[in-house]
Amino acid sequence: MDDARDSVIEGDCIESMRRLPEGSVDLVFADPPYNLQLEGELRRPDNSRVDACDDAWDQFASFADYDRFTRDWLTAARRCRTRRFGSSAPITTFSASAPSCRTSASGS
């Protein structure tokens, strides 16, 4: 991948992160599919309703496929994160269905 410093990279997240040098990323900001193919009604803590997602990008043939995708993108993110901040750099996600950002700084 060409020099990606100070840029936002768009594209297949797993393939894009695999092309980055190991330990070269200070922050991974991700908005992955959350597999919201709901059969029943889901409510947030404030009792507002969460709409199920029926878009193609959030469709998985099985929970195993979704789990595999999730493991693959998290593995790719962990490989390219810098170790400059200690054991890990943050991986931050945001979902329109969530009221706030969620951050993981776990090294595992």
PDB file of N, CA and C in Angstrom:
ATOM      1  N   MET A   1       0.852  -1.187   0.000  1.00  0.00           N
ATOM      2  CA  MET A   1       0.000   0.000   0.000  1.00  0.00           C
ATOM      3  C   MET A   1       0.886   1.235   0.000  1.00  0.00           C
ATOM      4  N   ASP A   2       0.528   2.216  -0.814  1.00  0.00           N
ATOM      5  CA  ASP A   2       1.265   3.476  -0.826  1.00  0.00           C
ATOM      6  C   ASP A   2       1.227   4.109   0.557  1.00  0.00           C
ATOM      7  N   ASP A   3       2.048   5.125   0.753  1.00  0.00           N
ATOM      8  CA  ASP A   3       2.092   5.811   2.039  1.00  0.00           C
ATOM      9  C   ASP A   3       0.689   6.274   2.426  1.00  0.00           C
ATOM     10  N   ALA A   4       0.203   5.739   3.538  1.00  0.00           N
ATOM     11  CA  ALA A   4      -1.158   6.045   3.979  1.00  0.00           C
ATOM     12  C   ALA A   4      -1.162   6.955   5.194  1.00  0.00           C
ATOM     13  N   ARG A   5      -0.017   7.574   5.478  1.00  0.00           N
ATOM     14  CA  ARG A   5       0.042   8.462   6.643  1.00  0.00           C
ATOM     15  C   ARG A   5      -0.979   9.577   6.555  1.00  0.00           C
ATOM     16  N   ASP A   6      -1.575   9.882   7.718  1.00  0.00           N
ATOM     17  CA  ASP A   6      -2.529  10.986   7.824  1.00  0.00           C
ATOM     18  C   ASP A   6      -3.648  10.878   6.799  1.00  0.00           C
ATOM     19  N   SER A   7      -4.216   9.692   6.672  1.00  0.00           N
ATOM     20  CA  SER A   7      -5.282   9.513   5.696  1.00  0.00           C
ATOM     21  C   SER A   7      -6.331   8.548   6.221  1.00  0.00           C
ATOM     22  N   VAL A   8      -7.475   8.608   5.584  1.00  0.00           N
ATOM     23  CA  VAL A   8      -8.548   7.663   5.843  1.00  0.00           C
ATOM     24  C   VAL A   8      -8.527   6.684   4.682  1.00  0.00           C
ATOM     25  N   ILE A   9      -8.515   5.412   4.993  1.00  0.00           N
ATOM     26  CA  ILE A   9      -8.458   4.382   3.959  1.00  0.00           C
ATOM     27  C   ILE A   9      -9.850   3.789   3.808  1.00  0.00           C
ATOM     28  N   GLU A  10     -10.372   3.822   2.599  1.00  0.00           N
ATOM     29  CA  GLU A  10     -11.682   3.237   2.317  1.00  0.00           C
ATOM     30  C   GLU A  10     -11.475   1.967   1.517  1.00  0.00           C
ATOM     31  N   GLY A  11     -12.328   0.995   1.764  1.00  0.00           N
ATOM     32  CA  GLY A  11     -12.251  -0.257   1.024  1.00  0.00           C
ATOM     33  C   GLY A  11     -12.508  -1.423   1.947  1.00  0.00           C
ATOM     34  N   ASP A  12     -12.260  -2.618   1.453  1.00  0.00           N
ATOM     35  CA  ASP A  12     -12.417  -3.816   2.268  1.00  0.00           C
ATOM     36  C   ASP A  12     -11.481  -3.707   3.462  1.00  0.00           C
ATOM     37  N   CYS A  13     -12.048  -3.665   4.649  1.00  0.00           N
ATOM     38  CA  CYS A  13     -11.247  -3.380   5.844  1.00  0.00           C
ATOM     39  C   CYS A  13     -10.182  -4.428   6.090  1.00  0.00           C
ATOM     40  N   ILE A  14     -10.499  -5.683   5.893  1.00  0.00           N
ATOM     41  CA  ILE A  14      -9.535  -6.746   6.181  1.00  0.00           C
ATOM     42  C   ILE A  14      -8.375  -6.681   5.191  1.00  0.00           C
ATOM     43  N   GLU A  15      -8.697  -6.605   3.913  1.00  0.00           N
ATOM     44  CA  GLU A  15      -7.630  -6.545   2.900  1.00  0.00           C
ATOM     45  C   GLU A  15      -6.796  -5.268   3.044  1.00  0.00           C
ATOM     46  N   SER A  16      -7.447  -4.139   3.326  1.00  0.00           N
ATOM     47  CA  SER A  16      -6.707  -2.883   3.485  1.00  0.00           C
ATOM     48  C   SER A  16      -5.747  -2.944   4.667  1.00  0.00           C
ATOM     49  N   MET A  17      -6.216  -3.453   5.807  1.00  0.00           N
ATOM     50  CA  MET A  17      -5.335  -3.530   6.988  1.00  0.00           C
ATOM     51  C   MET A  17      -4.226  -4.548   6.798  1.00  0.00           C
ATOM     52  N   ARG A  18      -4.481  -5.608   6.049  1.00  0.00           N
ATOM     53  CA  ARG A  18      -3.428  -6.607   5.787  1.00  0.00           C
ATOM     54  C   ARG A  18      -2.303  -6.024   4.939  1.00  0.00           C
ATOM     55  N   ARG A  19      -2.600  -5.009   4.143  1.00  0.00           N
ATOM     56  CA  ARG A  19      -1.570  -4.381   3.302  1.00  0.00           C
ATOM     57  C   ARG A  19      -0.746  -3.349   4.064  1.00  0.00           C
ATOM     58  N   LEU A  20      -1.214  -2.935   5.238  1.00  0.00           N
ATOM     59  CA  LEU A  20      -0.466  -1.961   6.036  1.00  0.00           C
ATOM     60  C   LEU A  20       0.695  -2.649   6.754  1.00  0.00           C
ATOM     61  N   PRO A  21       1.787  -1.940   6.960  1.00  0.00           N
ATOM     62  CA  PRO A  21       2.892  -2.524   7.722  1.00  0.00           C
ATOM     63  C   PRO A  21       2.474  -2.831   9.158  1.00  0.00           C
ATOM     64  N   GLU A  22       3.009  -3.887   9.709  1.00  0.00           N
ATOM     65  CA  GLU A  22       2.716  -4.244  11.095  1.00  0.00           C
ATOM     66  C   GLU A  22       3.128  -3.114  12.027  1.00  0.00           C
ATOM     67  N   GLY A  23       2.276  -2.809  12.995  1.00  0.00           N
ATOM     68  CA  GLY A  23       2.584  -1.792  13.988  1.00  0.00           C
ATOM     69  C   GLY A  23       2.628  -0.368  13.471  1.00  0.00           C
ATOM     70  N   SER A  24       1.910  -0.085  12.381  1.00  0.00           N
ATOM     71  CA  SER A  24       2.020   1.238  11.751  1.00  0.00           C
ATOM     72  C   SER A  24       0.824   2.158  12.005  1.00  0.00           C
ATOM     73  N   VAL A  25      -0.183   1.716  12.756  1.00  0.00           N
ATOM     74  CA  VAL A  25      -1.422   2.474  12.899  1.00  0.00           C
ATOM     75  C   VAL A  25      -1.618   2.887  14.351  1.00  0.00           C
ATOM     76  N   ASP A  26      -1.893   4.172  14.567  1.00  0.00           N
ATOM     77  CA  ASP A  26      -2.124   4.681  15.921  1.00  0.00           C
ATOM     78  C   ASP A  26      -3.554   4.444  16.388  1.00  0.00           C
ATOM     79  N   LEU A  27      -4.520   4.440  15.488  1.00  0.00           N
ATOM     80  CA  LEU A  27      -5.915   4.288  15.874  1.00  0.00           C
ATOM     81  C   LEU A  27      -6.669   3.576  14.760  1.00  0.00           C
ATOM     82  N   VAL A  28      -7.480   2.618  15.126  1.00  0.00           N
ATOM     83  CA  VAL A  28      -8.384   1.973  14.182  1.00  0.00           C
ATOM     84  C   VAL A  28      -9.789   2.419  14.554  1.00  0.00           C
ATOM     85  N   PHE A  29     -10.449   3.119  13.639  1.00  0.00           N
ATOM     86  CA  PHE A  29     -11.844   3.533  13.840  1.00  0.00           C
ATOM     87  C   PHE A  29     -12.682   2.669  12.920  1.00  0.00           C
ATOM     88  N   ALA A  30     -13.526   1.837  13.493  1.00  0.00           N
ATOM     89  CA  ALA A  30     -14.264   0.863  12.699  1.00  0.00           C
ATOM     90  C   ALA A  30     -15.767   1.023  12.887  1.00  0.00           C
ATOM     91  N   ASP A  31     -16.495   0.794  11.840  1.00  0.00           N
ATOM     92  CA  ASP A  31     -17.949   0.743  11.896  1.00  0.00           C
ATOM     93  C   ASP A  31     -18.376  -0.541  11.190  1.00  0.00           C
ATOM     94  N   PRO A  32     -18.082  -1.686  11.827  1.00  0.00           N
ATOM     95  CA  PRO A  32     -18.341  -2.972  11.167  1.00  0.00           C
ATOM     96  C   PRO A  32     -19.827  -3.323  11.180  1.00  0.00           C
ATOM     97  N   PRO A  33     -20.216  -4.280  10.361  1.00  0.00           N
ATOM     98  CA  PRO A  33     -21.577  -4.794  10.475  1.00  0.00           C
ATOM     99  C   PRO A  33     -21.790  -5.355  11.885  1.00  0.00           C
ATOM    100  N   TYR A  34     -22.949  -5.093  12.442  1.00  0.00           N
ATOM    101  CA  TYR A  34     -23.256  -5.576  13.788  1.00  0.00           C
ATOM    102  C   TYR A  34     -24.229  -6.747  13.760  1.00  0.00           C
ATOM    103  N   ASN A  35     -24.471  -7.295  12.569  1.00  0.00           N
ATOM    104  CA  ASN A  35     -25.310  -8.482  12.419  1.00  0.00           C
ATOM    105  C   ASN A  35     -26.673  -8.279  13.080  1.00  0.00           C
ATOM    106  N   LEU A  36     -27.323  -7.172  12.741  1.00  0.00           N
ATOM    107  CA  LEU A  36     -28.617  -6.834  13.346  1.00  0.00           C
ATOM    108  C   LEU A  36     -29.790  -7.421  12.553  1.00  0.00           C
ATOM    109  N   GLN A  37     -29.657  -8.666  12.161  1.00  0.00           N
ATOM    110  CA  GLN A  37     -30.734  -9.360  11.484  1.00  0.00           C
ATOM    111  C   GLN A  37     -31.652  -9.923  12.572  1.00  0.00           C
ATOM    112  N   LEU A  38     -32.484  -9.067  13.102  1.00  0.00           N
ATOM    113  CA  LEU A  38     -33.279  -9.406  14.278  1.00  0.00           C
ATOM    114  C   LEU A  38     -34.561 -10.138  13.903  1.00  0.00           C
ATOM    115  N   GLU A  39     -34.901 -11.118  14.722  1.00  0.00           N
ATOM    116  CA  GLU A  39     -36.175 -11.806  14.544  1.00  0.00           C
ATOM    117  C   GLU A  39     -37.241 -11.206  15.457  1.00  0.00           C
ATOM    118  N   GLY A  40     -36.820 -10.671  16.597  1.00  0.00           N
ATOM    119  CA  GLY A  40     -37.761 -10.056  17.525  1.00  0.00           C
ATOM    120  C   GLY A  40     -37.457  -8.581  17.647  1.00  0.00           C
ATOM    121  N   GLU A  41     -38.035  -7.946  18.619  1.00  0.00           N
ATOM    122  CA  GLU A  41     -37.827  -6.525  18.840  1.00  0.00           C
ATOM    123  C   GLU A  41     -36.682  -6.319  19.830  1.00  0.00           C
ATOM    124  N   LEU A  42     -35.804  -5.389  19.536  1.00  0.00           N
ATOM    125  CA  LEU A  42     -34.684  -5.059  20.410  1.00  0.00           C
ATOM    126  C   LEU A  42     -34.828  -3.609  20.843  1.00  0.00           C
ATOM    127  N   ARG A  43     -34.633  -3.352  22.124  1.00  0.00           N
ATOM    128  CA  ARG A  43     -34.761  -1.991  22.672  1.00  0.00           C
ATOM    129  C   ARG A  43     -33.475  -1.566  23.345  1.00  0.00           C
ATOM    130  N   ARG A  44     -33.157  -0.263  23.230  1.00  0.00           N
ATOM    131  CA  ARG A  44     -32.012   0.336  23.911  1.00  0.00           C
ATOM    132  C   ARG A  44     -32.373   0.581  25.377  1.00  0.00           C
ATOM    133  N   PRO A  45     -31.372   0.934  26.202  1.00  0.00           N
ATOM    134  CA  PRO A  45     -31.672   1.231  27.609  1.00  0.00           C
ATOM    135  C   PRO A  45     -32.714   2.333  27.800  1.00  0.00           C
ATOM    136  N   ASP A  46     -32.796   3.290  26.839  1.00  0.00           N
ATOM    137  CA  ASP A  46     -33.802   4.356  26.966  1.00  0.00           C
ATOM    138  C   ASP A  46     -35.168   3.934  26.401  1.00  0.00           C
ATOM    139  N   ASN A  47     -35.299   2.650  26.079  1.00  0.00           N
ATOM    140  CA  ASN A  47     -36.515   2.024  25.572  1.00  0.00           C
ATOM    141  C   ASN A  47     -36.844   2.402  24.127  1.00  0.00           C
ATOM    142  N   SER A  48     -35.932   3.078  23.421  1.00  0.00           N
ATOM    143  CA  SER A  48     -36.167   3.336  21.998  1.00  0.00           C
ATOM    144  C   SER A  48     -35.880   2.051  21.218  1.00  0.00           C
ATOM    145  N   ARG A  49     -36.577   1.870  20.139  1.00  0.00           N
ATOM    146  CA  ARG A  49     -36.484   0.649  19.343  1.00  0.00           C
ATOM    147  C   ARG A  49     -35.275   0.674  18.418  1.00  0.00           C
ATOM    148  N   VAL A  50     -34.578  -0.459  18.308  1.00  0.00           N
ATOM    149  CA  VAL A  50     -33.467  -0.631  17.370  1.00  0.00           C
ATOM    150  C   VAL A  50     -34.039  -1.262  16.109  1.00  0.00           C
ATOM    151  N   ASP A  51     -33.836  -0.598  14.967  1.00  0.00           N
ATOM    152  CA  ASP A  51     -34.304  -1.158  13.702  1.00  0.00           C
ATOM    153  C   ASP A  51     -33.356  -2.255  13.246  1.00  0.00           C
ATOM    154  N   ALA A  52     -33.917  -3.356  12.794  1.00  0.00           N
ATOM    155  CA  ALA A  52     -33.104  -4.418  12.217  1.00  0.00           C
ATOM    156  C   ALA A  52     -32.506  -3.909  10.913  1.00  0.00           C
ATOM    157  N   CYS A  53     -31.361  -4.416  10.570  1.00  0.00           N
ATOM    158  CA  CYS A  53     -30.688  -4.022   9.329  1.00  0.00           C
ATOM    159  C   CYS A  53     -30.910  -5.118   8.299  1.00  0.00           C
ATOM    160  N   ASP A  54     -31.383  -4.726   7.122  1.00  0.00           N
ATOM    161  CA  ASP A  54     -31.559  -5.720   6.070  1.00  0.00           C
ATOM    162  C   ASP A  54     -30.718  -5.383   4.837  1.00  0.00           C
ATOM    163  N   ASP A  55     -29.719  -4.523   5.011  1.00  0.00           N
ATOM    164  CA  ASP A  55     -28.822  -4.170   3.909  1.00  0.00           C
ATOM    165  C   ASP A  55     -27.867  -5.333   3.608  1.00  0.00           C
ATOM    166  N   ALA A  56     -27.448  -5.449   2.366  1.00  0.00           N
ATOM    167  CA  ALA A  56     -26.591  -6.564   1.939  1.00  0.00           C
ATOM    168  C   ALA A  56     -25.283  -6.629   2.721  1.00  0.00           C
ATOM    169  N   TRP A  57     -24.695  -5.473   3.073  1.00  0.00           N
ATOM    170  CA  TRP A  57     -23.406  -5.478   3.770  1.00  0.00           C
ATOM    171  C   TRP A  57     -23.509  -6.041   5.179  1.00  0.00           C
ATOM    172  N   ASP A  58     -24.710  -6.186   5.703  1.00  0.00           N
ATOM    173  CA  ASP A  58     -24.894  -6.731   7.054  1.00  0.00           C
ATOM    174  C   ASP A  58     -25.558  -8.103   7.016  1.00  0.00           C
ATOM    175  N   GLN A  59     -25.417  -8.789   5.916  1.00  0.00           N
ATOM    176  CA  GLN A  59     -26.016 -10.114   5.774  1.00  0.00           C
ATOM    177  C   GLN A  59     -24.931 -11.190   5.867  1.00  0.00           C
ATOM    178  N   PHE A  60     -25.151 -12.137   6.727  1.00  0.00           N
ATOM    179  CA  PHE A  60     -24.229 -13.261   6.894  1.00  0.00           C
ATOM    180  C   PHE A  60     -25.048 -14.544   6.825  1.00  0.00           C
ATOM    181  N   ALA A  61     -24.483 -15.561   6.205  1.00  0.00           N
ATOM    182  CA  ALA A  61     -25.199 -16.828   6.038  1.00  0.00           C
ATOM    183  C   ALA A  61     -25.448 -17.521   7.371  1.00  0.00           C
ATOM    184  N   SER A  62     -24.556 -17.280   8.339  1.00  0.00           N
ATOM    185  CA  SER A  62     -24.693 -17.943   9.635  1.00  0.00           C
ATOM    186  C   SER A  62     -23.956 -17.131  10.693  1.00  0.00           C
ATOM    187  N   PHE A  63     -24.222 -17.463  11.953  1.00  0.00           N
ATOM    188  CA  PHE A  63     -23.474 -16.821  13.037  1.00  0.00           C
ATOM    189  C   PHE A  63     -21.997 -17.171  12.929  1.00  0.00           C
ATOM    190  N   ALA A  64     -21.679 -18.365  12.452  1.00  0.00           N
ATOM    191  CA  ALA A  64     -20.276 -18.765  12.280  1.00  0.00           C
ATOM    192  C   ALA A  64     -19.578 -17.859  11.261  1.00  0.00           C
ATOM    193  N   ASP A  65     -20.267 -17.517  10.176  1.00  0.00           N
ATOM    194  CA  ASP A  65     -19.685 -16.605   9.176  1.00  0.00           C
ATOM    195  C   ASP A  65     -19.460 -15.219   9.771  1.00  0.00           C
ATOM    196  N   TYR A  66     -20.431 -14.744  10.545  1.00  0.00           N
ATOM    197  CA  TYR A  66     -20.278 -13.438  11.196  1.00  0.00           C
ATOM    198  C   TYR A  66     -19.119 -13.467  12.190  1.00  0.00           C
ATOM    199  N   ASP A  67     -19.032 -14.520  12.979  1.00  0.00           N
ATOM    200  CA  ASP A  67     -17.928 -14.648  13.939  1.00  0.00           C
ATOM    201  C   ASP A  67     -16.585 -14.681  13.226  1.00  0.00           C
ATOM    202  N   ARG A  68     -16.498 -15.394  12.104  1.00  0.00           N
ATOM    203  CA  ARG A  68     -15.256 -15.468  11.325  1.00  0.00           C
ATOM    204  C   ARG A  68     -14.869 -14.077  10.813  1.00  0.00           C
ATOM    205  N   PHE A  69     -15.841 -13.348  10.249  1.00  0.00           N
ATOM    206  CA  PHE A  69     -15.573 -11.986   9.773  1.00  0.00           C
ATOM    207  C   PHE A  69     -15.061 -11.110  10.917  1.00  0.00           C
ATOM    208  N   THR A  70     -15.720 -11.174  12.072  1.00  0.00           N
ATOM    209  CA  THR A  70     -15.339 -10.355  13.221  1.00  0.00           C
ATOM    210  C   THR A  70     -13.931 -10.703  13.694  1.00  0.00           C
ATOM    211  N   ARG A  71     -13.618 -11.983  13.804  1.00  0.00           N
ATOM    212  CA  ARG A  71     -12.253 -12.383  14.187  1.00  0.00           C
ATOM    213  C   ARG A  71     -11.226 -11.888  13.175  1.00  0.00           C
ATOM    214  N   ASP A  72     -11.549 -11.998  11.880  1.00  0.00           N
ATOM    215  CA  ASP A  72     -10.599 -11.588  10.833  1.00  0.00           C
ATOM    216  C   ASP A  72     -10.304 -10.091  10.892  1.00  0.00           C
ATOM    217  N   TRP A  73     -11.346  -9.247  11.052  1.00  0.00           N
ATOM    218  CA  TRP A  73     -11.054  -7.803  11.052  1.00  0.00           C
ATOM    219  C   TRP A  73     -10.368  -7.380  12.343  1.00  0.00           C
ATOM    220  N   LEU A  74     -10.726  -7.996  13.473  1.00  0.00           N
ATOM    221  CA  LEU A  74     -10.042  -7.654  14.723  1.00  0.00           C
ATOM    222  C   LEU A  74      -8.586  -8.127  14.709  1.00  0.00           C
ATOM    223  N   THR A  75      -8.313  -9.286  14.128  1.00  0.00           N
ATOM    224  CA  THR A  75      -6.943  -9.784  14.005  1.00  0.00           C
ATOM    225  C   THR A  75      -6.112  -8.855  13.125  1.00  0.00           C
ATOM    226  N   ALA A  76      -6.693  -8.425  12.004  1.00  0.00           N
ATOM    227  CA  ALA A  76      -5.983  -7.503  11.107  1.00  0.00           C
ATOM    228  C   ALA A  76      -5.731  -6.167  11.799  1.00  0.00           C
ATOM    229  N   ALA A  77      -6.702  -5.680  12.566  1.00  0.00           N
ATOM    230  CA  ALA A  77      -6.532  -4.407  13.280  1.00  0.00           C
ATOM    231  C   ALA A  77      -5.444  -4.531  14.341  1.00  0.00           C
ATOM    232  N   ARG A  78      -5.441  -5.623  15.057  1.00  0.00           N
ATOM    233  CA  ARG A  78      -4.440  -5.796  16.112  1.00  0.00           C
ATOM    234  C   ARG A  78      -3.028  -5.892  15.524  1.00  0.00           C
ATOM    235  N   ARG A  79      -2.887  -6.540  14.369  1.00  0.00           N
ATOM    236  CA  ARG A  79      -1.578  -6.681  13.737  1.00  0.00           C
ATOM    237  C   ARG A  79      -1.007  -5.328  13.309  1.00  0.00           C
ATOM    238  N   CYS A  80      -1.848  -4.442  12.799  1.00  0.00           N
ATOM    239  CA  CYS A  80      -1.326  -3.181  12.272  1.00  0.00           C
ATOM    240  C   CYS A  80      -1.254  -2.068  13.317  1.00  0.00           C
ATOM    241  N   ARG A  81      -1.789  -2.285  14.518  1.00  0.00           N
ATOM    242  CA  ARG A  81      -1.721  -1.244  15.563  1.00  0.00           C
ATOM    243  C   ARG A  81      -0.292  -1.044  16.050  1.00  0.00           C
ATOM    244  N   THR A  82       0.016   0.189  16.376  1.00  0.00           N
ATOM    245  CA  THR A  82       1.311   0.509  16.946  1.00  0.00           C
ATOM    246  C   THR A  82       1.376   0.046  18.390  1.00  0.00           C
ATOM    247  N   ARG A  83       2.551  -0.190  18.891  1.00  0.00           N
ATOM    248  CA  ARG A  83       2.741  -0.544  20.301  1.00  0.00           C
ATOM    249  C   ARG A  83       3.267   0.660  21.081  1.00  0.00           C
ATOM    250  N   ARG A  84       3.254   1.798  20.440  1.00  0.00           N
ATOM    251  CA  ARG A  84       3.786   3.020  21.016  1.00  0.00           C
ATOM    252  C   ARG A  84       3.038   3.455  22.284  1.00  0.00           C
ATOM    253  N   PHE A  85       1.792   3.036  22.431  1.00  0.00           N
ATOM    254  CA  PHE A  85       0.986   3.443  23.581  1.00  0.00           C
ATOM    255  C   PHE A  85       0.953   2.373  24.669  1.00  0.00           C
ATOM    256  N   GLY A  86       1.945   1.519  24.709  1.00  0.00           N
ATOM    257  CA  GLY A  86       1.953   0.422  25.672  1.00  0.00           C
ATOM    258  C   GLY A  86       1.626  -0.864  24.957  1.00  0.00           C
ATOM    259  N   SER A  87       0.800  -1.673  25.593  1.00  0.00           N
ATOM    260  CA  SER A  87       0.526  -2.981  25.012  1.00  0.00           C
ATOM    261  C   SER A  87      -0.371  -2.905  23.784  1.00  0.00           C
ATOM    262  N   SER A  88      -1.116  -1.806  23.613  1.00  0.00           N
ATOM    263  CA  SER A  88      -1.995  -1.721  22.453  1.00  0.00           C
ATOM    264  C   SER A  88      -2.434  -0.287  22.194  1.00  0.00           C
ATOM    265  N   ALA A  89      -2.789  -0.048  20.942  1.00  0.00           N
ATOM    266  CA  ALA A  89      -3.434   1.210  20.560  1.00  0.00           C
ATOM    267  C   ALA A  89      -4.929   0.932  20.500  1.00  0.00           C
ATOM    268  N   PRO A  90      -5.747   1.936  20.677  1.00  0.00           N
ATOM    269  CA  PRO A  90      -7.202   1.703  20.726  1.00  0.00           C
ATOM    270  C   PRO A  90      -7.806   1.260  19.403  1.00  0.00           C
ATOM    271  N   ILE A  91      -8.835   0.446  19.511  1.00  0.00           N
ATOM    272  CA  ILE A  91      -9.731   0.146  18.402  1.00  0.00           C
ATOM    273  C   ILE A  91     -11.065   0.733  18.828  1.00  0.00           C
ATOM    274  N   THR A  92     -11.576   1.680  18.070  1.00  0.00           N
ATOM    275  CA  THR A  92     -12.802   2.372  18.428  1.00  0.00           C
ATOM    276  C   THR A  92     -13.877   2.041  17.414  1.00  0.00           C
ATOM    277  N   THR A  93     -15.079   1.739  17.899  1.00  0.00           N
ATOM    278  CA  THR A  93     -16.198   1.471  17.001  1.00  0.00           C
ATOM    279  C   THR A  93     -17.350   2.401  17.324  1.00  0.00           C
ATOM    280  N   PHE A  94     -18.171   2.620  16.336  1.00  0.00           N
ATOM    281  CA  PHE A  94     -19.362   3.438  16.521  1.00  0.00           C
ATOM    282  C   PHE A  94     -20.494   2.780  15.759  1.00  0.00           C
ATOM    283  N   SER A  95     -21.637   2.729  16.358  1.00  0.00           N
ATOM    284  CA  SER A  95     -22.820   2.197  15.692  1.00  0.00           C
ATOM    285  C   SER A  95     -23.938   3.216  15.797  1.00  0.00           C
ATOM    286  N   ALA A  96     -24.656   3.399  14.720  1.00  0.00           N
ATOM    287  CA  ALA A  96     -25.807   4.306  14.750  1.00  0.00           C
ATOM    288  C   ALA A  96     -26.868   3.797  15.712  1.00  0.00           C
ATOM    289  N   SER A  97     -26.841   2.506  16.005  1.00  0.00           N
ATOM    290  CA  SER A  97     -27.825   1.953  16.932  1.00  0.00           C
ATOM    291  C   SER A  97     -27.386   2.096  18.384  1.00  0.00           C
ATOM    292  N   ALA A  98     -26.136   2.528  18.590  1.00  0.00           N
ATOM    293  CA  ALA A  98     -25.627   2.691  19.954  1.00  0.00           C
ATOM    294  C   ALA A  98     -25.593   4.167  20.307  1.00  0.00           C
ATOM    295  N   PRO A  99     -25.888   4.522  21.562  1.00  0.00           N
ATOM    296  CA  PRO A  99     -25.912   5.931  21.930  1.00  0.00           C
ATOM    297  C   PRO A  99     -24.538   6.532  22.109  1.00  0.00           C
ATOM    298  N   SER A 100     -23.483   5.726  22.137  1.00  0.00           N
ATOM    299  CA  SER A 100     -22.142   6.270  22.367  1.00  0.00           C
ATOM    300  C   SER A 100     -21.104   5.408  21.671  1.00  0.00           C
ATOM    301  N   CYS A 101     -19.889   5.944  21.575  1.00  0.00           N
ATOM    302  CA  CYS A 101     -18.780   5.179  21.019  1.00  0.00           C
ATOM    303  C   CYS A 101     -18.348   4.121  22.034  1.00  0.00           C
ATOM    304  N   ARG A 102     -17.812   3.039  21.509  1.00  0.00           N
ATOM    305  CA  ARG A 102     -17.249   1.995  22.366  1.00  0.00           C
ATOM    306  C   ARG A 102     -15.792   1.817  21.979  1.00  0.00           C
ATOM    307  N   THR A 103     -14.920   1.764  22.965  1.00  0.00           N
ATOM    308  CA  THR A 103     -13.489   1.673  22.711  1.00  0.00           C
ATOM    309  C   THR A 103     -12.915   0.447  23.391  1.00  0.00           C
ATOM    310  N   SER A 104     -12.044  -0.245  22.685  1.00  0.00           N
ATOM    311  CA  SER A 104     -11.315  -1.366  23.278  1.00  0.00           C
ATOM    312  C   SER A 104      -9.843  -1.065  23.196  1.00  0.00           C
ATOM    313  N   ALA A 105      -9.168  -1.071  24.329  1.00  0.00           N
ATOM    314  CA  ALA A 105      -7.722  -0.890  24.346  1.00  0.00           C
ATOM    315  C   ALA A 105      -7.063  -2.155  24.854  1.00  0.00           C
ATOM    316  N   SER A 106      -7.783  -3.254  24.812  1.00  0.00           N
ATOM    317  CA  SER A 106      -7.262  -4.515  25.310  1.00  0.00           C
ATOM    318  C   SER A 106      -6.204  -5.050  24.354  1.00  0.00           C
ATOM    319  N   GLY A 107      -5.161  -5.609  24.916  1.00  0.00           N
ATOM    320  CA  GLY A 107      -4.113  -6.212  24.107  1.00  0.00           C
ATOM    321  C   GLY A 107      -4.427  -7.627  23.708  1.00  0.00           C
ATOM    322  N   SER A 108      -5.546  -8.157  24.160  1.00  0.00           N
ATOM    323  CA  SER A 108      -5.874  -9.551  23.821  1.00  0.00           C
ATOM    324  C   SER A 108      -6.938  -9.632  22.753  1.00  0.00           C
TER     325      SER A 108
END
